[in-house]
C-alpha atoms as a PDB file:
ATOM      1  CA  MET A   1     -59.719   3.803   1.316  1.00  0.00           C
ATOM      2  CA  LEU A   2     -62.113   3.086  -1.531  1.00  0.00           C
ATOM      3  CA  SER A   3     -60.822   0.683  -4.178  1.00  0.00           C
ATOM      4  CA  ALA A   4     -60.520   1.985  -7.720  1.00  0.00           C
ATOM      5  CA  ASP A   5     -63.412  -0.206  -8.850  1.00  0.00           C
ATOM      6  CA  GLY A   6     -65.600   1.344  -6.131  1.00  0.00           C
ATOM      7  CA  ARG A   7     -66.683  -2.082  -4.864  1.00  0.00           C
ATOM      8  CA  HIS A   8     -64.526  -2.402  -1.738  1.00  0.00           C
ATOM      9  CA  ILE A   9     -63.396  -0.347   1.189  1.00  0.00           C
ATOM     10  CA  VAL A  10     -59.890  -1.371   2.273  1.00  0.00           C
ATOM     11  CA  PHE A  11     -58.768  -0.355   5.743  1.00  0.00           C
ATOM     12  CA  THR A  12     -56.358  -1.037   8.586  1.00  0.00           C
ATOM     13  CA  GLN A  13     -57.677  -2.463  11.827  1.00  0.00           C
ATOM     14  CA  PHE A  14     -55.474  -3.673  14.642  1.00  0.00           C
ATOM     15  CA  THR A  15     -56.903  -6.424  16.790  1.00  0.00           C
ATOM     16  CA  ILE A  16     -56.228  -6.791  20.491  1.00  0.00           C
ATOM     17  CA  ASP A  17     -56.031 -10.591  20.372  1.00  0.00           C
ATOM     18  CA  PRO A  18     -52.385 -11.592  19.632  1.00  0.00           C
ATOM     19  CA  ALA A  19     -53.611 -14.822  17.995  1.00  0.00           C
ATOM     20  CA  LEU A  20     -55.275 -12.748  15.257  1.00  0.00           C
ATOM     21  CA  ARG A  21     -52.143 -10.798  14.303  1.00  0.00           C
ATOM     22  CA  ALA A  22     -51.904 -12.385  10.862  1.00  0.00           C
ATOM     23  CA  THR A  23     -52.954  -9.194   9.084  1.00  0.00           C
ATOM     24  CA  SER A  24     -54.024  -5.664   9.836  1.00  0.00           C
ATOM     25  CA  VAL A  25     -55.617  -5.011   6.409  1.00  0.00           C
ATOM     26  CA  TRP A  26     -59.282  -5.768   5.835  1.00  0.00           C
ATOM     27  CA  SER A  27     -61.836  -5.331   3.061  1.00  0.00           C
ATOM     28  CA  VAL A  28     -65.607  -4.991   2.951  1.00  0.00           C
ATOM     29  CA  LEU A  29     -68.051  -4.546   0.067  1.00  0.00           C
ATOM     30  CA  THR A  30     -69.381  -0.995  -0.274  1.00  0.00           C
ATOM     31  CA  GLU A  31     -72.893  -2.272  -0.986  1.00  0.00           C
ATOM     32  CA  GLY A  32     -73.172  -3.500   2.611  1.00  0.00           C
ATOM     33  CA  ARG A  33     -73.497  -7.212   1.858  1.00  0.00           C
ATOM     34  CA  GLY A  34     -71.037  -9.779   3.141  1.00  0.00           C
ATOM     35  CA  ASN A  35     -68.584  -9.796   5.982  1.00  0.00           C
ATOM     36  CA  VAL A  36     -65.394  -7.917   6.636  1.00  0.00           C
ATOM     37  CA  GLN A  37     -62.677 -10.057   5.059  1.00  0.00           C
ATOM     38  CA  PRO A  38     -58.958 -10.174   5.871  1.00  0.00           C
ATOM     39  CA  VAL A  39     -56.562  -9.153   3.116  1.00  0.00           C
ATOM     40  CA  PRO A  40     -53.481 -11.397   3.284  1.00  0.00           C
ATOM     41  CA  ALA A  41     -50.973  -8.662   4.101  1.00  0.00           C
ATOM     42  CA  GLN A  42     -48.652  -8.916   7.064  1.00  0.00           C
ATOM     43  CA  TRP A  43     -49.237  -7.316  10.444  1.00  0.00           C
ATOM     44  CA  ASP A  44     -48.545  -3.564  10.792  1.00  0.00           C
ATOM     45  CA  ALA A  45     -49.521  -2.743   7.201  1.00  0.00           C
ATOM     46  CA  TYR A  46     -51.097   0.495   5.995  1.00  0.00           C
ATOM     47  CA  PRO A  47     -53.034   0.555   2.700  1.00  0.00           C
ATOM     48  CA  SER A  48     -52.289   3.545   0.526  1.00  0.00           C
ATOM     49  CA  ALA A  49     -53.771   2.990  -2.948  1.00  0.00           C
ATOM     50  CA  VAL A  50     -55.341   0.493  -5.317  1.00  0.00           C
ATOM     51  CA  SER A  51     -54.370   0.165  -8.975  1.00  0.00           C
ATOM     52  CA  SER A  52     -56.766   1.698 -11.490  1.00  0.00           C
ATOM     53  CA  ASP A  53     -57.949  -1.768 -12.545  1.00  0.00           C
ATOM     54  CA  GLY A  54     -58.802  -2.596  -8.923  1.00  0.00           C
ATOM     55  CA  ARG A  55     -56.597  -5.692  -8.850  1.00  0.00           C
ATOM     56  CA  THR A  56     -53.561  -4.599  -6.829  1.00  0.00           C
ATOM     57  CA  LEU A  57     -53.278  -3.049  -3.391  1.00  0.00           C
ATOM     58  CA  TYR A  58     -50.241  -0.856  -2.673  1.00  0.00           C
ATOM     59  CA  TYR A  59     -49.303  -0.370   0.945  1.00  0.00           C
ATOM     60  CA  TYR A  60     -46.430   0.191   3.310  1.00  0.00           C
ATOM     61  CA  ALA A  61     -45.474  -1.932   6.280  1.00  0.00           C
ATOM     62  CA  TYR A  62     -42.845  -2.358   8.925  1.00  0.00           C
ATOM     63  CA  GLN A  63     -40.806  -5.489   8.294  1.00  0.00           C
ATOM     64  CA  SER A  64     -39.365  -7.711  11.018  1.00  0.00           C
ATOM     65  CA  ASP A  65     -39.659  -5.143  13.805  1.00  0.00           C
ATOM     66  CA  GLN A  66     -37.465  -2.651  11.924  1.00  0.00           C
ATOM     67  CA  PRO A  67     -37.999   1.073  12.560  1.00  0.00           C
ATOM     68  CA  GLN A  68     -38.348   1.874   8.846  1.00  0.00           C
ATOM     69  CA  SER A  69     -41.220   0.981   6.550  1.00  0.00           C
ATOM     70  CA  ASP A  70     -41.111  -0.572   3.078  1.00  0.00           C
ATOM     71  CA  ILE A  71     -43.461  -0.537   0.087  1.00  0.00           C
ATOM     72  CA  LEU A  72     -45.314  -3.698  -0.909  1.00  0.00           C
ATOM     73  CA  SER A  73     -48.073  -4.756  -3.273  1.00  0.00           C
ATOM     74  CA  LEU A  74     -50.654  -7.494  -3.114  1.00  0.00           C
ATOM     75  CA  ALA A  75     -53.142  -8.956  -5.579  1.00  0.00           C
ATOM     76  CA  ILE A  76     -56.502  -8.230  -3.968  1.00  0.00           C
ATOM     77  CA  ALA A  77     -58.387 -11.213  -5.371  1.00  0.00           C
ATOM     78  CA  GLY A  78     -57.638 -14.616  -3.953  1.00  0.00           C
ATOM     79  CA  ALA A  79     -56.999 -15.715  -0.408  1.00  0.00           C
ATOM     80  CA  THR A  80     -53.664 -17.258  -1.416  1.00  0.00           C
ATOM     81  CA  ALA A  81     -52.130 -14.014  -2.663  1.00  0.00           C
ATOM     82  CA  LYS A  82     -48.713 -13.237  -1.220  1.00  0.00           C
ATOM     83  CA  PRO A  83     -47.320  -9.741  -0.605  1.00  0.00           C
ATOM     84  CA  THR A  84     -44.568  -8.600  -2.977  1.00  0.00           C
ATOM     85  CA  LEU A  85     -41.829  -6.372  -1.603  1.00  0.00           C
ATOM     86  CA  LEU A  86     -41.402  -3.515  -4.096  1.00  0.00           C
ATOM     87  CA  LEU A  87     -39.026  -1.115  -2.382  1.00  0.00           C
ATOM     88  CA  ALA A  88     -36.883  -1.464   0.739  1.00  0.00           C
ATOM     89  CA  THR A  89     -34.032   0.839   1.697  1.00  0.00           C
ATOM     90  CA  PRO A  90     -32.459   1.916   5.000  1.00  0.00           C
ATOM     91  CA  ALA A  91     -34.953   4.834   4.972  1.00  0.00           C
ATOM     92  CA  SER A  92     -38.728   4.649   5.362  1.00  0.00           C
ATOM     93  CA  GLU A  93     -40.827   4.558   2.213  1.00  0.00           C
ATOM     94  CA  GLU A  94     -44.536   5.210   2.627  1.00  0.00           C
ATOM     95  CA  LEU A  95     -47.765   6.255   0.908  1.00  0.00           C
ATOM     96  CA  PRO A  96     -47.251   4.519  -2.460  1.00  0.00           C
ATOM     97  CA  VAL A  97     -49.592   5.789  -5.177  1.00  0.00           C
ATOM     98  CA  PRO A  98     -49.425   4.192  -8.654  1.00  0.00           C
ATOM     99  CA  SER A  99     -50.216   6.298 -11.694  1.00  0.00           C
ATOM    100  CA  PRO A 100     -53.542   5.415 -13.351  1.00  0.00           C
ATOM    101  CA  ASP A 101     -51.688   4.188 -16.470  1.00  0.00           C
ATOM    102  CA  GLY A 102     -49.553   1.841 -14.342  1.00  0.00           C
ATOM    103  CA  ARG A 103     -46.218   3.313 -15.483  1.00  0.00           C
ATOM    104  CA  TRP A 104     -45.167   5.201 -12.346  1.00  0.00           C
ATOM    105  CA  LEU A 105     -45.087   4.884  -8.594  1.00  0.00           C
ATOM    106  CA  ALA A 106     -45.055   8.036  -6.485  1.00  0.00           C
ATOM    107  CA  TYR A 107     -44.224   7.662  -2.811  1.00  0.00           C
ATOM    108  CA  GLN A 108     -42.920   9.441   0.237  1.00  0.00           C
ATOM    109  CA  THR A 109     -39.505   8.759   1.777  1.00  0.00           C
ATOM    110  CA  ASN A 110     -37.467  10.195   4.629  1.00  0.00           C
ATOM    111  CA  ALA A 111     -34.122   9.361   2.983  1.00  0.00           C
ATOM    112  CA  SER A 112     -33.132  13.048   3.007  1.00  0.00           C
ATOM    113  CA  GLY A 113     -33.993  13.394   6.696  1.00  0.00           C
ATOM    114  CA  ARG A 114     -37.515  14.686   6.056  1.00  0.00           C
ATOM    115  CA  ALA A 115     -40.562  13.410   4.202  1.00  0.00           C
ATOM    116  CA  GLU A 116     -40.116  14.049   0.465  1.00  0.00           C
ATOM    117  CA  VAL A 117     -41.927  12.818  -2.657  1.00  0.00           C
ATOM    118  CA  ARG A 118     -40.157  10.577  -5.133  1.00  0.00           C
ATOM    119  CA  LEU A 119     -41.282   9.259  -8.496  1.00  0.00           C
ATOM    120  CA  ALA A 120     -40.016   6.045 -10.095  1.00  0.00           C
ATOM    121  CA  PRO A 121     -40.946   3.944 -13.109  1.00  0.00           C
ATOM    122  CA  PHE A 122     -42.411   0.546 -12.244  1.00  0.00           C
ATOM    123  CA  THR A 123     -39.827  -0.986 -14.572  1.00  0.00           C
ATOM    124  CA  ASP A 124     -37.045   0.083 -12.148  1.00  0.00           C
ATOM    125  CA  LEU A 125     -38.107   1.504  -8.784  1.00  0.00           C
ATOM    126  CA  THR A 126     -34.460   2.282  -7.943  1.00  0.00           C
ATOM    127  CA  ALA A 127     -34.392   4.798 -10.835  1.00  0.00           C
ATOM    128  CA  PHE A 128     -36.280   7.410  -8.819  1.00  0.00           C
ATOM    129  CA  VAL A 129     -36.396  11.176  -9.077  1.00  0.00           C
ATOM    130  CA  GLN A 130     -37.032  13.273  -5.985  1.00  0.00           C
ATOM    131  CA  VAL A 131     -39.665  15.814  -6.954  1.00  0.00           C
ATOM    132  CA  SER A 132     -40.275  17.744  -3.719  1.00  0.00           C
ATOM    133  CA  ILE A 133     -37.940  19.873  -1.626  1.00  0.00           C
ATOM    134  CA  ARG A 134     -40.152  20.884   1.340  1.00  0.00           C
ATOM    135  CA  GLY A 135     -42.097  17.730   2.064  1.00  0.00           C
ATOM    136  CA  GLY A 136     -44.991  16.132   0.286  1.00  0.00           C
ATOM    137  CA  ASN A 137     -48.223  14.611   1.488  1.00  0.00           C
ATOM    138  CA  PRO A 138     -50.808  13.747   0.231  1.00  0.00           C
ATOM    139  CA  ILE A 139     -49.825  12.484  -3.213  1.00  0.00           C
ATOM    140  CA  ARG A 140     -52.395  12.298  -6.022  1.00  0.00           C
ATOM    141  CA  TRP A 141     -52.422  11.751  -9.796  1.00  0.00           C
ATOM    142  CA  SER A 142     -54.471  13.289 -12.589  1.00  0.00           C
ATOM    143  CA  ARG A 143     -56.783  10.769 -14.267  1.00  0.00           C
ATOM    144  CA  ASP A 144     -54.580  10.639 -17.386  1.00  0.00           C
ATOM    145  CA  SER A 145     -51.301  10.187 -15.411  1.00  0.00           C
ATOM    146  CA  SER A 146     -49.830  13.356 -16.925  1.00  0.00           C
ATOM    147  CA  THR A 147     -49.665  15.327 -13.659  1.00  0.00           C
ATOM    148  CA  LEU A 148     -48.555  14.453 -10.133  1.00  0.00           C
ATOM    149  CA  TYR A 149     -49.935  16.579  -7.279  1.00  0.00           C
ATOM    150  CA  TYR A 150     -48.649  16.891  -3.719  1.00  0.00           C
ATOM    151  CA  THR A 151     -48.215  19.463  -1.003  1.00  0.00           C
ATOM    152  CA  ASP A 152     -44.779  21.057  -0.836  1.00  0.00           C
ATOM    153  CA  GLY A 153     -44.549  23.055   2.357  1.00  0.00           C
ATOM    154  CA  ASP A 154     -47.698  25.155   2.420  1.00  0.00           C
ATOM    155  CA  ALA A 155     -48.317  24.983  -1.335  1.00  0.00           C
ATOM    156  CA  ILE A 156     -50.000  22.455  -3.589  1.00  0.00           C
ATOM    157  CA  THR A 157     -47.549  21.526  -6.299  1.00  0.00           C
ATOM    158  CA  ALA A 158     -48.266  20.020  -9.718  1.00  0.00           C
ATOM    159  CA  VAL A 159     -45.548  18.246 -11.693  1.00  0.00           C
ATOM    160  CA  ASP A 160     -46.259  17.848 -15.409  1.00  0.00           C
ATOM    161  CA  LEU A 161     -44.843  14.533 -16.609  1.00  0.00           C
ATOM    162  CA  GLY A 162     -45.586  15.211 -20.249  1.00  0.00           C
ATOM    163  CA  ALA A 163     -46.279  12.594 -22.913  1.00  0.00           C
ATOM    164  CA  GLY A 164     -43.001  10.702 -22.454  1.00  0.00           C
ATOM    165  CA  GLY A 165     -42.824  10.992 -18.689  1.00  0.00           C
END
């Protein structure tokens, strides 16, 4: 995944050596200089998106050997950054994608028994609205955060959030 600032590629790589299982998320400069650097996320993490300012990584991970995944964020700069748990329920939440204006988080969950798209304000991620009814992946935003796009069954669906969301 390319960071929003276009300077880094963030990716998941699983090492074979158990001693190196501190993280599975790595970053490298797109210009080809420098080394691949670990991103201080936990093991079994999957990057999904970077905030529009390029400062925050959004990803999902499996916590404590549980079968469901949760949504986390992490400040990209700084080796001492700690992951922040954003959303954890008995279901799996995956593929978090923040809106470019930073007001919304769209993500996929299997809470209904199948993968569906939900939308929640960052001010209260428990105040979600389910927006799909036949699945939804991938999830993308318009540049101005006014429209959310995803696949719904075999169709590409666009949800107009309007000026007030």
